[in-house]
PDB file of N, CA and C in Angstrom:
ATOM      1  N   MET A   1       0.716  -1.722   0.093  1.00  0.00           N
ATOM      2  CA  MET A   1      -0.042   0.344  -0.176  1.00  0.00           C
ATOM      3  C   MET A   1       1.100   1.353  -0.318  1.00  0.00           C
ATOM      4  N   SER A   2       0.493   2.076  -0.500  1.00  0.00           N
ATOM      5  CA  SER A   2       0.739   3.185  -0.571  1.00  0.00           C
ATOM      6  C   SER A   2       0.961   4.350   0.366  1.00  0.00           C
ATOM      7  N   GLU A   3       1.968   5.234   0.037  1.00  0.00           N
ATOM      8  CA  GLU A   3       1.940   6.558   1.715  1.00  0.00           C
ATOM      9  C   GLU A   3       1.384   6.779   0.927  1.00  0.00           C
ATOM     10  N   TYR A   4      -0.193   7.800   1.454  1.00  0.00           N
ATOM     11  CA  TYR A   4      -0.231   9.004   0.875  1.00  0.00           C
ATOM     12  C   TYR A   4      -0.221  10.220   2.700  1.00  0.00           C
ATOM     13  N   SER A   5      -0.183  11.415   1.842  1.00  0.00           N
ATOM     14  CA  SER A   5      -0.019  12.331   3.282  1.00  0.00           C
ATOM     15  C   SER A   5      -1.378  12.985   3.282  1.00  0.00           C
ATOM     16  N   PHE A   6      -1.594  13.975   4.294  1.00  0.00           N
ATOM     17  CA  PHE A   6      -3.192  13.888   4.186  1.00  0.00           C
ATOM     18  C   PHE A   6      -3.095  15.657   4.634  1.00  0.00           C
ATOM     19  N   THR A   7      -3.935  16.606   3.438  1.00  0.00           N
ATOM     20  CA  THR A   7      -3.756  18.320   4.098  1.00  0.00           C
ATOM     21  C   THR A   7      -4.228  18.279   5.286  1.00  0.00           C
ATOM     22  N   VAL A   8      -3.950  19.306   5.640  1.00  0.00           N
ATOM     23  CA  VAL A   8      -4.767  19.598   6.826  1.00  0.00           C
ATOM     24  C   VAL A   8      -6.037  19.862   6.935  1.00  0.00           C
ATOM     25  N   HIS A   9      -7.324  20.284   6.246  1.00  0.00           N
ATOM     26  CA  HIS A   9      -7.796  20.102   5.082  1.00  0.00           C
ATOM     27  C   HIS A   9      -8.764  18.572   5.026  1.00  0.00           C
ATOM     28  N   ALA A  10      -7.633  18.220   4.559  1.00  0.00           N
ATOM     29  CA  ALA A  10      -9.007  15.973   4.750  1.00  0.00           C
ATOM     30  C   ALA A  10      -8.538  16.193   6.081  1.00  0.00           C
ATOM     31  N   ARG A  11      -7.735  16.133   7.194  1.00  0.00           N
ATOM     32  CA  ARG A  11      -7.838  15.680   8.160  1.00  0.00           C
ATOM     33  C   ARG A  11      -8.936  16.601   8.847  1.00  0.00           C
ATOM     34  N   ARG A  12      -9.089  17.926   8.585  1.00  0.00           N
ATOM     35  CA  ARG A  12     -10.639  18.589   9.136  1.00  0.00           C
ATOM     36  C   ARG A  12     -11.559  17.654   9.030  1.00  0.00           C
ATOM     37  N   GLU A  13     -11.925  17.349   7.310  1.00  0.00           N
ATOM     38  CA  GLU A  13     -13.045  16.110   7.571  1.00  0.00           C
ATOM     39  C   GLU A  13     -13.374  15.222   8.195  1.00  0.00           C
ATOM     40  N   MET A  14     -12.242  14.800   7.418  1.00  0.00           N
ATOM     41  CA  MET A  14     -12.112  13.187   8.344  1.00  0.00           C
ATOM     42  C   MET A  14     -12.321  13.512   9.725  1.00  0.00           C
ATOM     43  N   THR A  15     -11.382  14.152  10.434  1.00  0.00           N
ATOM     44  CA  THR A  15     -12.687  14.257  12.635  1.00  0.00           C
ATOM     45  C   THR A  15     -14.020  14.691  11.705  1.00  0.00           C
ATOM     46  N   LYS A  16     -14.365  14.940  10.739  1.00  0.00           N
ATOM     47  CA  LYS A  16     -15.830  15.783  10.651  1.00  0.00           C
ATOM     48  C   LYS A  16     -16.293  15.152  11.492  1.00  0.00           C
ATOM     49  N   ASP A  17     -16.217  13.519  10.578  1.00  0.00           N
ATOM     50  CA  ASP A  17     -16.800  12.854   8.987  1.00  0.00           C
ATOM     51  C   ASP A  17     -16.444  11.343   9.816  1.00  0.00           C
ATOM     52  N   GLN A  18     -15.438  11.980  11.019  1.00  0.00           N
ATOM     53  CA  GLN A  18     -15.204  10.063  11.336  1.00  0.00           C
ATOM     54  C   GLN A  18     -14.756   9.449  10.529  1.00  0.00           C
ATOM     55  N   ILE A  19     -14.066  10.183   9.302  1.00  0.00           N
ATOM     56  CA  ILE A  19     -13.662   8.918   8.182  1.00  0.00           C
ATOM     57  C   ILE A  19     -12.177   8.525   8.563  1.00  0.00           C
ATOM     58  N   THR A  20     -11.185   6.804   8.694  1.00  0.00           N
ATOM     59  CA  THR A  20     -10.424   6.691   8.805  1.00  0.00           C
ATOM     60  C   THR A  20      -8.691   6.870   8.224  1.00  0.00           C
ATOM     61  N   GLU A  21      -7.648   7.004   8.564  1.00  0.00           N
ATOM     62  CA  GLU A  21      -6.974   6.660   7.306  1.00  0.00           C
ATOM     63  C   GLU A  21      -7.729   5.264   6.302  1.00  0.00           C
ATOM     64  N   GLU A  22      -7.228   4.141   7.694  1.00  0.00           N
ATOM     65  CA  GLU A  22      -7.761   3.142   6.789  1.00  0.00           C
ATOM     66  C   GLU A  22      -8.618   3.358   5.959  1.00  0.00           C
ATOM     67  N   GLY A  23      -9.416   3.247   6.157  1.00  0.00           N
ATOM     68  CA  GLY A  23     -11.248   4.006   4.634  1.00  0.00           C
ATOM     69  C   GLY A  23     -10.577   4.505   4.459  1.00  0.00           C
ATOM     70  N   VAL A  24     -10.350   5.724   4.444  1.00  0.00           N
ATOM     71  CA  VAL A  24      -9.303   6.786   2.560  1.00  0.00           C
ATOM     72  C   VAL A  24      -8.385   5.379   1.940  1.00  0.00           C
ATOM     73  N   TYR A  25      -7.363   4.411   2.898  1.00  0.00           N
ATOM     74  CA  TYR A  25      -6.892   3.958   1.982  1.00  0.00           C
ATOM     75  C   TYR A  25      -7.883   2.482   1.034  1.00  0.00           C
ATOM     76  N   HIS A  26      -8.779   2.555   1.546  1.00  0.00           N
ATOM     77  CA  HIS A  26      -9.489   1.251   0.804  1.00  0.00           C
ATOM     78  C   HIS A  26     -10.294   1.513  -0.232  1.00  0.00           C
ATOM     79  N   VAL A  27     -10.733   3.038   0.392  1.00  0.00           N
ATOM     80  CA  VAL A  27     -11.804   3.708  -0.778  1.00  0.00           C
ATOM     81  C   VAL A  27     -11.105   4.029  -2.595  1.00  0.00           C
ATOM     82  N   ILE A  28      -9.449   4.614  -1.466  1.00  0.00           N
ATOM     83  CA  ILE A  28      -8.706   4.615  -3.111  1.00  0.00           C
ATOM     84  C   ILE A  28      -8.280   3.700  -3.538  1.00  0.00           C
ATOM     85  N   GLY A  29      -8.235   2.856  -2.807  1.00  0.00           N
ATOM     86  CA  GLY A  29      -7.028   0.897  -3.638  1.00  0.00           C
ATOM     87  C   GLY A  29      -8.826   0.556  -3.628  1.00  0.00           C
ATOM     88  N   ASP A  30      -9.434   0.309  -3.612  1.00  0.00           N
ATOM     89  CA  ASP A  30     -10.830  -0.720  -4.247  1.00  0.00           C
ATOM     90  C   ASP A  30     -12.279   0.837  -4.455  1.00  0.00           C
ATOM     91  N   ALA A  31     -11.943   1.798  -5.060  1.00  0.00           N
ATOM     92  CA  ALA A  31     -12.723   2.637  -5.963  1.00  0.00           C
ATOM     93  C   ALA A  31     -14.347   2.400  -6.060  1.00  0.00           C
ATOM     94  N   ASP A  32     -15.017   2.323  -6.636  1.00  0.00           N
ATOM     95  CA  ASP A  32     -16.769   1.834  -7.195  1.00  0.00           C
ATOM     96  C   ASP A  32     -16.138   3.539  -8.287  1.00  0.00           C
ATOM     97  N   ASP A  33     -16.124   3.897  -8.152  1.00  0.00           N
ATOM     98  CA  ASP A  33     -15.528   5.242  -9.765  1.00  0.00           C
ATOM     99  C   ASP A  33     -14.553   6.377  -8.867  1.00  0.00           C
ATOM    100  N   VAL A  34     -14.383   5.583 -10.019  1.00  0.00           N
ATOM    101  CA  VAL A  34     -12.521   6.877 -10.438  1.00  0.00           C
ATOM    102  C   VAL A  34     -12.843   7.988 -11.497  1.00  0.00           C
ATOM    103  N   VAL A  35     -12.566   8.738 -11.086  1.00  0.00           N
ATOM    104  CA  VAL A  35     -12.516   9.865 -12.581  1.00  0.00           C
ATOM    105  C   VAL A  35     -10.673  11.244 -11.714  1.00  0.00           C
ATOM    106  N   VAL A  36     -10.410  11.024 -13.568  1.00  0.00           N
ATOM    107  CA  VAL A  36      -9.070  11.476 -13.975  1.00  0.00           C
ATOM    108  C   VAL A  36     -10.044  13.103 -14.275  1.00  0.00           C
ATOM    109  N   HIS A  37      -9.684  14.133 -13.305  1.00  0.00           N
ATOM    110  CA  HIS A  37     -10.408  15.115 -14.132  1.00  0.00           C
ATOM    111  C   HIS A  37      -8.895  16.660 -14.533  1.00  0.00           C
ATOM    112  N   ASP A  38      -8.999  16.807 -15.295  1.00  0.00           N
ATOM    113  CA  ASP A  38      -7.928  17.911 -16.181  1.00  0.00           C
ATOM    114  C   ASP A  38      -7.145  18.787 -15.352  1.00  0.00           C
ATOM    115  N   ASP A  39      -7.045  18.793 -14.084  1.00  0.00           N
ATOM    116  CA  ASP A  39      -6.416  19.285 -13.556  1.00  0.00           C
ATOM    117  C   ASP A  39      -5.434  18.513 -13.308  1.00  0.00           C
ATOM    118  N   GLY A  40      -5.458  16.940 -13.933  1.00  0.00           N
ATOM    119  CA  GLY A  40      -4.293  15.822 -12.926  1.00  0.00           C
ATOM    120  C   GLY A  40      -4.999  15.590 -11.056  1.00  0.00           C
ATOM    121  N   ARG A  41      -5.826  15.852 -10.784  1.00  0.00           N
ATOM    122  CA  ARG A  41      -6.474  15.560  -9.164  1.00  0.00           C
ATOM    123  C   ARG A  41      -7.662  14.200  -9.745  1.00  0.00           C
ATOM    124  N   THR A  42      -7.265  13.253  -8.712  1.00  0.00           N
ATOM    125  CA  THR A  42      -7.891  11.830  -9.122  1.00  0.00           C
ATOM    126  C   THR A  42      -9.647  11.949  -7.747  1.00  0.00           C
ATOM    127  N   ARG A  43     -10.172  12.116  -8.565  1.00  0.00           N
ATOM    128  CA  ARG A  43     -11.915  11.228  -7.381  1.00  0.00           C
ATOM    129  C   ARG A  43     -12.070  10.305  -6.854  1.00  0.00           C
ATOM    130  N   TYR A  44     -11.633   9.725  -6.155  1.00  0.00           N
ATOM    131  CA  TYR A  44     -13.031   8.346  -5.990  1.00  0.00           C
ATOM    132  C   TYR A  44     -13.833   7.921  -4.964  1.00  0.00           C
ATOM    133  N   THR A  45     -14.678   7.719  -5.986  1.00  0.00           N
ATOM    134  CA  THR A  45     -15.949   6.893  -4.705  1.00  0.00           C
ATOM    135  C   THR A  45     -16.279   5.696  -4.493  1.00  0.00           C
ATOM    136  N   GLY A  46     -16.600   5.782  -3.129  1.00  0.00           N
ATOM    137  CA  GLY A  46     -17.060   3.906  -3.418  1.00  0.00           C
ATOM    138  C   GLY A  46     -16.799   3.960  -1.394  1.00  0.00           C
ATOM    139  N   MET A  47     -17.300   2.599  -1.464  1.00  0.00           N
ATOM    140  CA  MET A  47     -17.599   2.602   0.590  1.00  0.00           C
ATOM    141  C   MET A  47     -16.520   1.548   1.260  1.00  0.00           C
ATOM    142  N   TRP A  48     -16.391   2.378   2.472  1.00  0.00           N
ATOM    143  CA  TRP A  48     -16.047   1.230   3.050  1.00  0.00           C
ATOM    144  C   TRP A  48     -17.502   1.417   5.264  1.00  0.00           C
ATOM    145  N   GLN A  49     -17.544   0.159   5.409  1.00  0.00           N
ATOM    146  CA  GLN A  49     -17.688  -0.177   6.874  1.00  0.00           C
ATOM    147  C   GLN A  49     -19.051   0.178   6.284  1.00  0.00           C
ATOM    148  N   GLY A  50     -20.429  -0.049   4.406  1.00  0.00           N
ATOM    149  CA  GLY A  50     -21.510   0.830   5.176  1.00  0.00           C
ATOM    150  C   GLY A  50     -21.491   2.108   4.459  1.00  0.00           C
ATOM    151  N   ARG A  51     -20.609   2.778   4.616  1.00  0.00           N
ATOM    152  CA  ARG A  51     -20.419   4.514   4.006  1.00  0.00           C
ATOM    153  C   ARG A  51     -20.098   4.744   3.132  1.00  0.00           C
ATOM    154  N   THR A  52     -20.171   4.968   2.271  1.00  0.00           N
ATOM    155  CA  THR A  52     -19.932   6.205   1.412  1.00  0.00           C
ATOM    156  C   THR A  52     -18.930   7.324   0.942  1.00  0.00           C
ATOM    157  N   PHE A  53     -17.925   7.250   0.614  1.00  0.00           N
ATOM    158  CA  PHE A  53     -16.417   8.204   0.566  1.00  0.00           C
ATOM    159  C   PHE A  53     -16.118   7.995   0.153  1.00  0.00           C
ATOM    160  N   VAL A  54     -15.841   9.559  -0.443  1.00  0.00           N
ATOM    161  CA  VAL A  54     -15.286   9.967  -2.048  1.00  0.00           C
ATOM    162  C   VAL A  54     -13.775  11.102  -1.569  1.00  0.00           C
ATOM    163  N   VAL A  55     -12.651  10.405  -2.461  1.00  0.00           N
ATOM    164  CA  VAL A  55     -11.738  11.269  -1.221  1.00  0.00           C
ATOM    165  C   VAL A  55     -10.864  12.083  -3.389  1.00  0.00           C
ATOM    166  N   ILE A  56     -10.325  13.233  -2.724  1.00  0.00           N
ATOM    167  CA  ILE A  56      -9.635  13.295  -3.829  1.00  0.00           C
ATOM    168  C   ILE A  56      -8.266  13.548  -3.402  1.00  0.00           C
ATOM    169  N   VAL A  57      -7.422  12.762  -4.510  1.00  0.00           N
ATOM    170  CA  VAL A  57      -6.251  12.507  -4.162  1.00  0.00           C
ATOM    171  C   VAL A  57      -5.071  14.637  -5.400  1.00  0.00           C
ATOM    172  N   GLU A  58      -4.801  14.890  -4.869  1.00  0.00           N
ATOM    173  CA  GLU A  58      -4.075  16.304  -5.595  1.00  0.00           C
ATOM    174  C   GLU A  58      -2.890  15.204  -7.416  1.00  0.00           C
ATOM    175  N   ASP A  59      -2.500  15.942  -7.940  1.00  0.00           N
ATOM    176  CA  ASP A  59      -2.045  15.126  -9.053  1.00  0.00           C
ATOM    177  C   ASP A  59      -0.792  14.618  -8.941  1.00  0.00           C
ATOM    178  N   ASP A  60       0.210  14.512  -7.680  1.00  0.00           N
ATOM    179  CA  ASP A  60       1.653  14.008  -7.854  1.00  0.00           C
ATOM    180  C   ASP A  60       0.965  12.547  -7.453  1.00  0.00           C
ATOM    181  N   GLY A  61      -0.640  12.223  -6.986  1.00  0.00           N
ATOM    182  CA  GLY A  61      -0.818  10.827  -6.015  1.00  0.00           C
ATOM    183  C   GLY A  61      -0.348  10.551  -5.575  1.00  0.00           C
ATOM    184  N   ARG A  62      -0.258  11.509  -4.129  1.00  0.00           N
ATOM    185  CA  ARG A  62       0.338  10.743  -3.159  1.00  0.00           C
ATOM    186  C   ARG A  62      -0.397  11.901  -2.045  1.00  0.00           C
ATOM    187  N   THR A  63      -1.153  13.062  -2.933  1.00  0.00           N
ATOM    188  CA  THR A  63      -1.490  13.714  -1.518  1.00  0.00           C
ATOM    189  C   THR A  63      -3.352  13.862  -1.729  1.00  0.00           C
ATOM    190  N   VAL A  64      -3.675  13.666  -1.054  1.00  0.00           N
ATOM    191  CA  VAL A  64      -4.664  13.780  -0.091  1.00  0.00           C
ATOM    192  C   VAL A  64      -5.319  14.518  -0.064  1.00  0.00           C
ATOM    193  N   ILE A  65      -6.841  15.256  -1.372  1.00  0.00           N
ATOM    194  CA  ILE A  65      -5.985  17.050  -0.674  1.00  0.00           C
ATOM    195  C   ILE A  65      -7.901  17.145  -0.185  1.00  0.00           C
ATOM    196  N   THR A  66      -8.972  16.420   0.062  1.00  0.00           N
ATOM    197  CA  THR A  66      -9.815  16.146   1.118  1.00  0.00           C
ATOM    198  C   THR A  66     -10.720  15.375   0.894  1.00  0.00           C
ATOM    199  N   VAL A  67     -11.787  15.189   1.616  1.00  0.00           N
ATOM    200  CA  VAL A  67     -12.441  13.396   2.222  1.00  0.00           C
ATOM    201  C   VAL A  67     -13.949  13.741   2.306  1.00  0.00           C
ATOM    202  N   TRP A  68     -14.317  13.463   1.993  1.00  0.00           N
ATOM    203  CA  TRP A  68     -15.889  13.359   2.460  1.00  0.00           C
ATOM    204  C   TRP A  68     -16.685  12.362   2.649  1.00  0.00           C
ATOM    205  N   GLN A  69     -18.742  12.379   2.969  1.00  0.00           N
ATOM    206  CA  GLN A  69     -19.728  11.618   2.424  1.00  0.00           C
ATOM    207  C   GLN A  69     -20.663  11.998   2.437  1.00  0.00           C
ATOM    208  N   PRO A  70     -20.293  11.960   1.161  1.00  0.00           N
ATOM    209  CA  PRO A  70     -22.121  12.208   0.732  1.00  0.00           C
ATOM    210  C   PRO A  70     -22.693  12.745   1.415  1.00  0.00           C
ATOM    211  N   LYS A  71     -23.746  13.906   1.313  1.00  0.00           N
ATOM    212  CA  LYS A  71     -24.439  13.978   1.787  1.00  0.00           C
ATOM    213  C   LYS A  71     -25.969  13.048   2.107  1.00  0.00           C
ATOM    214  N   TRP A  72     -26.107  13.038   0.262  1.00  0.00           N
ATOM    215  CA  TRP A  72     -27.335  11.660  -0.115  1.00  0.00           C
ATOM    216  C   TRP A  72     -26.877  10.087   0.393  1.00  0.00           C
ATOM    217  N   ARG A  73     -25.466   9.886   1.061  1.00  0.00           N
ATOM    218  CA  ARG A  73     -26.121   9.239   1.417  1.00  0.00           C
ATOM    219  C   ARG A  73     -25.148   8.200   2.582  1.00  0.00           C
ATOM    220  N   ARG A  74     -25.934   9.301   3.302  1.00  0.00           N
ATOM    221  CA  ARG A  74     -25.210   9.275   4.930  1.00  0.00           C
ATOM    222  C   ARG A  74     -26.477   9.493   5.754  1.00  0.00           C
ATOM    223  N   PRO A  75     -26.675   8.143   6.691  1.00  0.00           N
ATOM    224  CA  PRO A  75     -27.868   8.347   7.794  1.00  0.00           C
ATOM    225  C   PRO A  75     -28.318   9.393   8.549  1.00  0.00           C
ATOM    226  N   ARG A  76     -29.358   9.382   8.830  1.00  0.00           N
ATOM    227  CA  ARG A  76     -30.188  10.141   8.984  1.00  0.00           C
ATOM    228  C   ARG A  76     -30.499  10.259  10.584  1.00  0.00           C
ATOM    229  N   ARG A  77     -29.606  11.680  10.811  1.00  0.00           N
ATOM    230  CA  ARG A  77     -29.371  11.446  12.567  1.00  0.00           C
ATOM    231  C   ARG A  77     -30.904  11.471  12.889  1.00  0.00           C
ATOM    232  N   ARG A  78     -30.504  11.495  14.989  1.00  0.00           N
ATOM    233  CA  ARG A  78     -32.189  10.837  15.291  1.00  0.00           C
ATOM    234  C   ARG A  78     -31.973  11.859  16.290  1.00  0.00           C
TER     235      ARG A  78
END
């Protein structure tokens, strides 16, 4: 497994949505959808432990710049 670095923003979003590094690595390695954008960044969308995450990796292929759980996939809060 490659080593990724995480921006401060990515760490903040991971904490907010309770997403672990393990989850991020899983989504990158086993994504259901991978889109390479014109700017070179790659968007990975996949599931980890029943939750869907989106991970954006910088064009260097090593820097995770943001991570989130799409609102349309989040369980409802009670």
